[in-house]
Amino acid sequence: MTPAVPGSHEVLWYIAGNAPQVVPVGPDGKATLTCTPLGAFELTVSSRTPEGVVSGEVRRTYQVQP
């Protein structure tokens, strides 16, 4: 995923009801996360710059089938 704020160095994400996780942004300007819970879930993502600027949150609902 590409962070919403240019210059972001990490992406924060969580699934409703779980603790937030942090994923670093790579040299290509993208962050990769792997999450495969079965069933429906809501994923919330934001990005943060080294100066502490945090983007707004984006929420999406996904359905993972076995």
Protein backbone atom coordinates (compact mmCIF):
# COMPACT_ATOMS: atom_id res chain seq x y z
CA MET A 1 0.00 0.00 0.00
CA THR A 2 1.13 3.54 -0.63
CA PRO A 3 0.96 5.88 2.39
CA ALA A 4 -1.48 8.79 2.18
CA VAL A 5 1.04 11.40 3.38
CA PRO A 6 4.18 11.87 1.25
CA GLY A 7 7.36 11.23 3.26
CA SER A 8 5.67 8.76 5.61
CA HIS A 9 8.05 6.25 7.14
CA GLU A 10 5.49 3.88 8.64
CA VAL A 11 1.93 2.66 8.26
CA LEU A 12 -0.29 1.97 11.25
CA TRP A 13 -3.03 -0.59 10.85
CA TYR A 14 -5.46 -2.58 12.95
CA ILE A 15 -8.42 -4.85 12.69
CA ALA A 16 -11.39 -3.77 14.81
CA GLY A 17 -10.94 -5.02 18.36
CA ASN A 18 -7.17 -5.62 18.07
CA ALA A 19 -4.09 -3.59 18.99
CA PRO A 20 -2.58 -1.34 16.30
CA GLN A 21 0.40 -2.70 14.34
CA VAL A 22 3.19 -0.69 12.69
CA VAL A 23 4.74 -1.58 9.32
CA PRO A 24 7.73 0.34 7.92
CA VAL A 25 7.55 1.99 4.52
CA GLY A 26 10.17 0.51 2.19
CA PRO A 27 12.57 2.28 -0.17
CA ASP A 28 9.94 1.93 -2.91
CA GLY A 29 7.57 4.15 -0.88
CA LYS A 30 5.19 1.30 -0.09
CA ALA A 31 4.33 -0.76 2.98
CA THR A 32 3.31 -4.40 2.92
CA LEU A 33 1.20 -6.14 5.51
CA THR A 34 -0.03 -9.68 5.64
CA CYS A 35 -3.27 -10.41 7.40
CA THR A 36 -5.56 -13.31 6.60
CA PRO A 37 -8.23 -13.79 9.24
CA LEU A 38 -11.12 -15.88 7.99
CA GLY A 39 -14.50 -14.22 7.69
CA ALA A 40 -15.42 -10.55 7.49
CA PHE A 41 -13.29 -7.89 9.16
CA GLU A 42 -12.77 -4.14 9.08
CA LEU A 43 -9.20 -2.96 8.41
CA THR A 44 -8.21 0.57 9.45
CA VAL A 45 -5.01 2.13 8.06
CA SER A 46 -3.17 5.45 8.47
CA SER A 47 0.40 6.63 7.84
CA ARG A 48 2.92 8.64 9.89
CA THR A 49 5.88 10.84 8.95
CA PRO A 50 9.14 11.03 10.93
CA GLU A 51 7.91 14.40 12.27
CA GLY A 52 4.80 12.72 13.75
CA VAL A 53 2.24 13.90 11.18
CA VAL A 54 -0.47 11.24 10.95
CA SER A 55 -2.81 10.92 7.98
CA GLY A 56 -6.51 10.43 8.35
CA GLU A 57 -7.73 6.86 8.77
CA VAL A 58 -9.07 4.79 5.91
CA ARG A 59 -11.42 1.90 6.75
CA ARG A 60 -12.30 -0.97 4.48
CA THR A 61 -14.28 -4.15 5.09
CA TYR A 62 -12.95 -7.41 3.68
CA GLN A 63 -14.26 -10.96 3.44
CA VAL A 64 -11.67 -13.76 3.46
CA GLN A 65 -12.81 -17.22 2.38
CA PRO A 66 -10.91 -20.46 3.06
